[in-house]
Amino acid sequence: MAHASSDFAAMLRQWDQKSKPQIVEIYQAFKDTDEFLADLLDFCGVADLQGGATWLIKHHCEQTDLVFSPAEQCRFYETFERLASWDAQLHALQTMQHVPIPKASGPALKTFLFTGITQQNKLVRAWSYYGLALLARRFPEDKPEVLAALDEATLQNPSGAIAVRLRKARALLP
């Protein structure tokens, strides 16, 4: 299995971070391996593999009815604090809707998301707000704080990509 993992990592390193056909080809080559998700979660901790690994996790969740085990859920959310690039952060944030948030992951995730709403990248900011809404659905005690943040952000972002994601986030919290 180590051989397959090293081949997988090598192919991800060769990806130009842009070509969808190339990353889909990598997905097709490895998606049926026993260690696919475990390898990807490991790769999230490696700076030059993060963008590809998070894209593949997101893509896999969108293509299948993948159910993360409780341990995989924890590992997925533990990767967030190690994600250095905005694209890896964005992919992980976009994947949150597919992965239940374990209780143990709540505090660190909340910190990550509140940091995310201050980022320069608009997409990371927008999806961090959406992540906060998902967090507040899972942990109702966070709902008042999250609603306040969403309301403030809505005033500051009346239109554009952030506004669209804010409306979707707000719709999660009736």
C-alpha atoms as a PDB file:
ATOM      1  CA  MET A   1       0.000   0.000   0.000  1.00  0.00           C
ATOM      2  CA  ALA A   2       2.888   2.398   0.690  1.00  0.00           C
ATOM      3  CA  HIS A   3       3.816   2.097  -2.988  1.00  0.00           C
ATOM      4  CA  ALA A   4       0.328   3.189  -4.082  1.00  0.00           C
ATOM      5  CA  SER A   5       0.444   6.087  -1.609  1.00  0.00           C
ATOM      6  CA  SER A   6       3.816   7.249  -2.922  1.00  0.00           C
ATOM      7  CA  ASP A   7       2.556   6.991  -6.525  1.00  0.00           C
ATOM      8  CA  PHE A   8      -0.545   8.937  -5.502  1.00  0.00           C
ATOM      9  CA  ALA A   9       1.553  11.675  -3.861  1.00  0.00           C
ATOM     10  CA  ALA A  10       3.891  11.821  -6.868  1.00  0.00           C
ATOM     11  CA  MET A  11       0.986  12.306  -9.265  1.00  0.00           C
ATOM     12  CA  LEU A  12      -0.494  15.050  -7.064  1.00  0.00           C
ATOM     13  CA  ARG A  13       2.879  16.808  -7.012  1.00  0.00           C
ATOM     14  CA  GLN A  14       2.929  16.771 -10.814  1.00  0.00           C
ATOM     15  CA  TRP A  15      -0.515  18.403 -11.032  1.00  0.00           C
ATOM     16  CA  ASP A  16      -0.239  22.028 -12.155  1.00  0.00           C
ATOM     17  CA  GLN A  17      -2.974  23.161  -9.686  1.00  0.00           C
ATOM     18  CA  LYS A  18      -5.133  24.217 -12.631  1.00  0.00           C
ATOM     19  CA  SER A  19      -5.928  21.348 -15.001  1.00  0.00           C
ATOM     20  CA  LYS A  20      -9.261  19.766 -14.133  1.00  0.00           C
ATOM     21  CA  PRO A  21      -8.784  16.889 -16.616  1.00  0.00           C
ATOM     22  CA  GLN A  22      -5.444  16.053 -14.965  1.00  0.00           C
ATOM     23  CA  ILE A  23      -6.826  16.033 -11.403  1.00  0.00           C
ATOM     24  CA  VAL A  24      -9.867  14.013 -12.514  1.00  0.00           C
ATOM     25  CA  GLU A  25      -7.464  11.499 -14.084  1.00  0.00           C
ATOM     26  CA  ILE A  26      -5.661  11.239 -10.730  1.00  0.00           C
ATOM     27  CA  TYR A  27      -9.035  10.769  -9.032  1.00  0.00           C
ATOM     28  CA  GLN A  28      -9.959   7.954 -11.422  1.00  0.00           C
ATOM     29  CA  ALA A  29      -6.623   6.237 -10.836  1.00  0.00           C
ATOM     30  CA  PHE A  30      -6.895   6.158  -7.035  1.00  0.00           C
ATOM     31  CA  LYS A  31     -10.544   6.525  -5.982  1.00  0.00           C
ATOM     32  CA  ASP A  32     -11.109   2.797  -5.582  1.00  0.00           C
ATOM     33  CA  THR A  33      -8.024   2.096  -3.479  1.00  0.00           C
ATOM     34  CA  ASP A  34      -8.614   1.017   0.116  1.00  0.00           C
ATOM     35  CA  GLU A  35      -6.578   3.890   1.504  1.00  0.00           C
ATOM     36  CA  PHE A  36      -7.937   6.656  -0.748  1.00  0.00           C
ATOM     37  CA  LEU A  37      -9.506   8.845   1.930  1.00  0.00           C
ATOM     38  CA  ALA A  38      -6.832   8.058   4.528  1.00  0.00           C
ATOM     39  CA  ASP A  39      -4.121   9.047   2.050  1.00  0.00           C
ATOM     40  CA  LEU A  40      -5.914  12.276   1.185  1.00  0.00           C
ATOM     41  CA  LEU A  41      -6.324  13.177   4.848  1.00  0.00           C
ATOM     42  CA  ASP A  42      -2.584  12.538   5.326  1.00  0.00           C
ATOM     43  CA  PHE A  43      -1.768  14.662   2.269  1.00  0.00           C
ATOM     44  CA  CYS A  44      -3.712  17.598   3.752  1.00  0.00           C
ATOM     45  CA  GLY A  45      -0.835  17.978   6.203  1.00  0.00           C
ATOM     46  CA  VAL A  46       1.745  18.329   3.409  1.00  0.00           C
ATOM     47  CA  ALA A  47       2.014  21.842   1.983  1.00  0.00           C
ATOM     48  CA  ASP A  48       2.602  20.905  -1.661  1.00  0.00           C
ATOM     49  CA  LEU A  49      -0.179  18.289  -1.665  1.00  0.00           C
ATOM     50  CA  GLN A  50      -2.920  20.235   0.140  1.00  0.00           C
ATOM     51  CA  GLY A  51      -4.549  21.870  -2.864  1.00  0.00           C
ATOM     52  CA  GLY A  52      -4.901  18.609  -4.742  1.00  0.00           C
ATOM     53  CA  ALA A  53      -5.862  16.560  -1.694  1.00  0.00           C
ATOM     54  CA  THR A  54      -8.638  18.929  -0.631  1.00  0.00           C
ATOM     55  CA  TRP A  55      -9.912  19.197  -4.225  1.00  0.00           C
ATOM     56  CA  LEU A  56     -10.073  15.405  -4.433  1.00  0.00           C
ATOM     57  CA  ILE A  57     -11.894  15.071  -1.101  1.00  0.00           C
ATOM     58  CA  LYS A  58     -14.444  17.656  -2.234  1.00  0.00           C
ATOM     59  CA  HIS A  59     -14.825  16.014  -5.638  1.00  0.00           C
ATOM     60  CA  HIS A  60     -15.204  12.551  -4.085  1.00  0.00           C
ATOM     61  CA  CYS A  61     -17.935  13.804  -1.741  1.00  0.00           C
ATOM     62  CA  GLU A  62     -19.742  15.375  -4.691  1.00  0.00           C
ATOM     63  CA  GLN A  63     -19.478  12.200  -6.803  1.00  0.00           C
ATOM     64  CA  THR A  64     -20.435   9.605  -4.189  1.00  0.00           C
ATOM     65  CA  ASP A  65     -22.525   9.135  -1.096  1.00  0.00           C
ATOM     66  CA  LEU A  66     -19.341   8.905   0.912  1.00  0.00           C
ATOM     67  CA  VAL A  67     -19.920   8.575   4.632  1.00  0.00           C
ATOM     68  CA  PHE A  68     -16.983   9.572   6.803  1.00  0.00           C
ATOM     69  CA  SER A  69     -16.466   7.413   9.874  1.00  0.00           C
ATOM     70  CA  PRO A  70     -16.369   9.328  13.185  1.00  0.00           C
ATOM     71  CA  ALA A  71     -12.563   9.042  13.178  1.00  0.00           C
ATOM     72  CA  GLU A  72     -12.387  10.329   9.579  1.00  0.00           C
ATOM     73  CA  GLN A  73     -14.670  13.234  10.490  1.00  0.00           C
ATOM     74  CA  CYS A  74     -12.258  14.242  13.264  1.00  0.00           C
ATOM     75  CA  ARG A  75      -9.243  13.844  10.987  1.00  0.00           C
ATOM     76  CA  PHE A  76     -10.897  15.926   8.273  1.00  0.00           C
ATOM     77  CA  TYR A  77     -11.566  18.843  10.607  1.00  0.00           C
ATOM     78  CA  GLU A  78      -8.138  18.520  12.229  1.00  0.00           C
ATOM     79  CA  THR A  79      -6.587  19.229   8.815  1.00  0.00           C
ATOM     80  CA  PHE A  80      -8.142  22.711   8.647  1.00  0.00           C
ATOM     81  CA  GLU A  81      -5.595  24.404  10.892  1.00  0.00           C
ATOM     82  CA  ARG A  82      -2.756  23.068   8.692  1.00  0.00           C
ATOM     83  CA  LEU A  83      -4.182  24.332   5.401  1.00  0.00           C
ATOM     84  CA  ALA A  84      -1.890  27.112   4.241  1.00  0.00           C
ATOM     85  CA  SER A  85      -3.175  28.038   0.787  1.00  0.00           C
ATOM     86  CA  TRP A  86      -6.467  29.771   0.119  1.00  0.00           C
ATOM     87  CA  ASP A  87      -7.476  27.154  -2.458  1.00  0.00           C
ATOM     88  CA  ALA A  88      -6.991  24.275   0.005  1.00  0.00           C
ATOM     89  CA  GLN A  89      -8.950  26.223   2.626  1.00  0.00           C
ATOM     90  CA  LEU A  90     -11.733  26.888   0.117  1.00  0.00           C
ATOM     91  CA  HIS A  91     -12.019  23.234  -0.928  1.00  0.00           C
ATOM     92  CA  ALA A  92     -12.179  22.134   2.714  1.00  0.00           C
ATOM     93  CA  LEU A  93     -14.809  24.767   3.527  1.00  0.00           C
ATOM     94  CA  GLN A  94     -16.886  23.690   0.518  1.00  0.00           C
ATOM     95  CA  THR A  95     -16.691  20.085   1.706  1.00  0.00           C
ATOM     96  CA  MET A  96     -18.073  20.847   5.176  1.00  0.00           C
ATOM     97  CA  GLN A  97     -21.657  20.392   3.967  1.00  0.00           C
ATOM     98  CA  HIS A  98     -20.833  16.726   3.317  1.00  0.00           C
ATOM     99  CA  VAL A  99     -19.028  15.927   6.580  1.00  0.00           C
ATOM    100  CA  PRO A 100     -20.781  15.970   9.970  1.00  0.00           C
ATOM    101  CA  ILE A 101     -18.974  18.039  12.585  1.00  0.00           C
ATOM    102  CA  PRO A 102     -17.910  15.966  15.597  1.00  0.00           C
ATOM    103  CA  LYS A 103     -18.339  17.554  19.012  1.00  0.00           C
ATOM    104  CA  ALA A 104     -14.590  17.362  19.651  1.00  0.00           C
ATOM    105  CA  SER A 105     -13.898  19.377  16.485  1.00  0.00           C
ATOM    106  CA  GLY A 106     -16.263  22.236  17.331  1.00  0.00           C
ATOM    107  CA  PRO A 107     -13.994  24.633  19.262  1.00  0.00           C
ATOM    108  CA  ALA A 108     -11.020  24.516  16.869  1.00  0.00           C
ATOM    109  CA  LEU A 109     -13.321  24.695  13.859  1.00  0.00           C
ATOM    110  CA  LYS A 110     -15.083  27.742  15.310  1.00  0.00           C
ATOM    111  CA  THR A 111     -11.720  29.487  15.704  1.00  0.00           C
ATOM    112  CA  PHE A 112     -10.735  28.577  12.131  1.00  0.00           C
ATOM    113  CA  LEU A 113     -14.043  29.858  10.723  1.00  0.00           C
ATOM    114  CA  PHE A 114     -13.971  33.147  12.619  1.00  0.00           C
ATOM    115  CA  THR A 115     -10.422  33.642  11.343  1.00  0.00           C
ATOM    116  CA  GLY A 116     -11.654  32.756   7.844  1.00  0.00           C
ATOM    117  CA  ILE A 117     -14.213  35.566   7.789  1.00  0.00           C
ATOM    118  CA  THR A 118     -11.319  38.040   8.091  1.00  0.00           C
ATOM    119  CA  GLN A 119      -9.288  36.630   5.175  1.00  0.00           C
ATOM    120  CA  GLN A 120      -8.434  38.663   2.083  1.00  0.00           C
ATOM    121  CA  ASN A 121      -9.786  36.049  -0.320  1.00  0.00           C
ATOM    122  CA  LYS A 122     -13.498  36.711  -0.871  1.00  0.00           C
ATOM    123  CA  LEU A 123     -14.363  33.079  -1.537  1.00  0.00           C
ATOM    124  CA  VAL A 124     -12.677  31.917   1.667  1.00  0.00           C
ATOM    125  CA  ARG A 125     -14.542  34.637   3.562  1.00  0.00           C
ATOM    126  CA  ALA A 126     -17.869  33.707   1.973  1.00  0.00           C
ATOM    127  CA  TRP A 127     -17.503  29.991   2.622  1.00  0.00           C
ATOM    128  CA  SER A 128     -16.270  30.645   6.169  1.00  0.00           C
ATOM    129  CA  TYR A 129     -19.589  32.376   6.872  1.00  0.00           C
ATOM    130  CA  TYR A 130     -21.394  29.379   5.427  1.00  0.00           C
ATOM    131  CA  GLY A 131     -19.255  27.107   7.602  1.00  0.00           C
ATOM    132  CA  LEU A 132     -20.247  29.139  10.650  1.00  0.00           C
ATOM    133  CA  ALA A 133     -23.895  28.511   9.810  1.00  0.00           C
ATOM    134  CA  LEU A 134     -23.214  24.775   9.540  1.00  0.00           C
ATOM    135  CA  LEU A 135     -21.418  24.946  12.884  1.00  0.00           C
ATOM    136  CA  ALA A 136     -24.359  26.769  14.506  1.00  0.00           C
ATOM    137  CA  ARG A 137     -26.777  24.144  13.160  1.00  0.00           C
ATOM    138  CA  ARG A 138     -24.663  21.473  14.822  1.00  0.00           C
ATOM    139  CA  PHE A 139     -24.056  23.473  18.019  1.00  0.00           C
ATOM    140  CA  PRO A 140     -27.145  25.603  18.733  1.00  0.00           C
ATOM    141  CA  GLU A 141     -25.357  27.356  21.602  1.00  0.00           C
ATOM    142  CA  ASP A 142     -23.249  29.127  18.936  1.00  0.00           C
ATOM    143  CA  LYS A 143     -26.296  30.330  16.980  1.00  0.00           C
ATOM    144  CA  PRO A 144     -26.627  33.823  18.554  1.00  0.00           C
ATOM    145  CA  GLU A 145     -22.947  34.649  17.933  1.00  0.00           C
ATOM    146  CA  VAL A 146     -23.077  33.286  14.383  1.00  0.00           C
ATOM    147  CA  LEU A 147     -26.313  35.122  13.568  1.00  0.00           C
ATOM    148  CA  ALA A 148     -24.742  38.364  14.771  1.00  0.00           C
ATOM    149  CA  ALA A 149     -21.714  37.769  12.522  1.00  0.00           C
ATOM    150  CA  LEU A 150     -23.958  36.940   9.539  1.00  0.00           C
ATOM    151  CA  ASP A 151     -26.112  40.027  10.111  1.00  0.00           C
ATOM    152  CA  GLU A 152     -23.064  42.297  10.336  1.00  0.00           C
ATOM    153  CA  ALA A 153     -21.537  40.746   7.220  1.00  0.00           C
ATOM    154  CA  THR A 154     -24.808  41.157   5.315  1.00  0.00           C
ATOM    155  CA  LEU A 155     -24.728  44.899   6.020  1.00  0.00           C
ATOM    156  CA  GLN A 156     -21.115  45.095   4.814  1.00  0.00           C
ATOM    157  CA  ASN A 157     -21.675  42.899   1.723  1.00  0.00           C
ATOM    158  CA  PRO A 158     -25.033  43.822   0.167  1.00  0.00           C
ATOM    159  CA  SER A 159     -24.156  42.244  -3.198  1.00  0.00           C
ATOM    160  CA  GLY A 160     -21.704  39.879  -4.854  1.00  0.00           C
ATOM    161  CA  ALA A 161     -20.374  36.410  -4.096  1.00  0.00           C
ATOM    162  CA  ILE A 162     -20.216  36.956  -0.353  1.00  0.00           C
ATOM    163  CA  ALA A 163     -23.829  38.204  -0.252  1.00  0.00           C
ATOM    164  CA  VAL A 164     -25.046  35.097  -2.085  1.00  0.00           C
ATOM    165  CA  ARG A 165     -23.261  32.767   0.316  1.00  0.00           C
ATOM    166  CA  LEU A 166     -24.488  34.820   3.302  1.00  0.00           C
ATOM    167  CA  ARG A 167     -28.091  34.379   2.158  1.00  0.00           C
ATOM    168  CA  LYS A 168     -27.545  30.634   1.882  1.00  0.00           C
ATOM    169  CA  ALA A 169     -25.892  30.589   5.322  1.00  0.00           C
ATOM    170  CA  ARG A 170     -28.743  32.581   6.846  1.00  0.00           C
ATOM    171  CA  ALA A 171     -31.277  30.154   5.303  1.00  0.00           C
ATOM    172  CA  LEU A 172     -29.635  27.326   7.300  1.00  0.00           C
ATOM    173  CA  LEU A 173     -30.519  29.107  10.555  1.00  0.00           C
ATOM    174  CA  PRO A 174     -34.253  29.857  10.667  1.00  0.00           C
END
